[in-house]
Amino acid sequence: MLQPLINSFWNADVWLPPNTTWEDIAPGPHKVVVYTDHRHVFFPIPLAFVFISLRYVLQRLVYGPFGKRLGIKDTRPRRAPNNPKLEAAFKASPKLKQPCGLAKQLDMTERQVERWWRLRRSQDKPSTLVKFCENLWKFTFHTSNFIFGLVILWDKEWLWDIDHCYIGYPHQGVSGDVWWYYMVSAAFYWSLSISQFWDVRRKDFWQMFVHHAATVALISFSWVCNLHRVGTLVLLLHDCGDIFVEAVKAAKYANYQRTCDVLFLCLIVVWIGTRIGIFPFYLLWSTTIRAPMLVPMFPAYYIFNSLLCLLLVLHFIWTFLILQIAYKTIQAGMMEGDIRSSSDISDSPENSNHNNSNCVNNKKES
């Protein structure tokens, strides 16, 4: 019953260039070109759970003990006293709207209600050690994947001349190293999409959810349509900036302030250079201007390009947050924010007094 719907969705006139069929780019033993196999698009999903398991093991055996040796504490905020009525009100609306009304109902002072509410909001926040381990895991992956991607793409012609992403398309073969690079990258973003729901909750949760969804969609559909060359460049470019994002936050949680400041300066240079410089003016310009000159356009290509434009919008949003931190850093004299979000370091109880003086508001997370 679903077959007609599937056939309609995977219409070759939509997903492939004119006069090209799925049979033309299907892998086979008698074909000169080693085409991508559309069935492999599901391979990263079970591999994502391998990444989640590996992350758990590394947090328990490596990152956690390493963080403790650096003096990072695994202490959590004090829990709010048990109060079923206030708990019910909190679950109905985490934002305290009418403290006076609740105080009268419970025969409490308004100050007592507000204090309970602050404790209740902070008790679910993870410890600094948990956040440090999360950032160290992402730093490890982005660093390893960037080096791996750079090594395997170094001798690929499209790294040095982006026009080769389109010349000969769709009859472009995929090598074993590029296959692994694509599968590993897709699995990591699948793992982030899954683990995001129990990871450190940040204020840019939905921006990151959209980012992961757009990235997984780009990787999956570009693989099916044999557009993997452009995909490898996008992955390489994003890993480069994310290395410094995670390094800055890990250094901040470890209280290595001078290292944090130096890494933050590197982040600004690398982030703006790759996400605001190379991505729109080289890669996106190529997919928008050069590609139509070299390849007959088809509907799916505009979908891919729209997803790349969506990533660019997210880049601008995060760049604004990073520059906002940089401006406040200059005023405060030290980096107090959390890159790309507004939820972590200075929200913790142990930092609240310092924040009331001259601290910089947080701005996130990768």
Foldseek 3Di string as FASTA:
>chain_A
DCVVVVCVVVPCLFQAFPPDDLVNQDADPPDPFGHFHLVCLCVLAVVLVVLVVVLVVCLVPPLLVVLVVLVFDQDFADAAPDDVVLVVVCVVPLDDDCLPVVCVVVVHDSVSSVVSSLRHVRRPAGGLSQLLSVLVSLLVVLVVLLVLLCVVCVPPPCVVPVLVLQAPPPRHHDDPSLVVSLSVVLSNLSNCLVCLVPGGDFPCSVVSNLVSVLLNVLSSSCSSRNSSSLVSVVSNLVSQLQNLLSVLSSCVSSVVFVSNVVSLVVNLVSLCCRLVNCLVPPSLCCLVPVNVVRGPDHNVSVVSSVSSVSVSVSSVLQNVLSVLQVVLCVVLVTRQAAGAGFDDDCSDPVNVVVVVPRGDTYHHHD
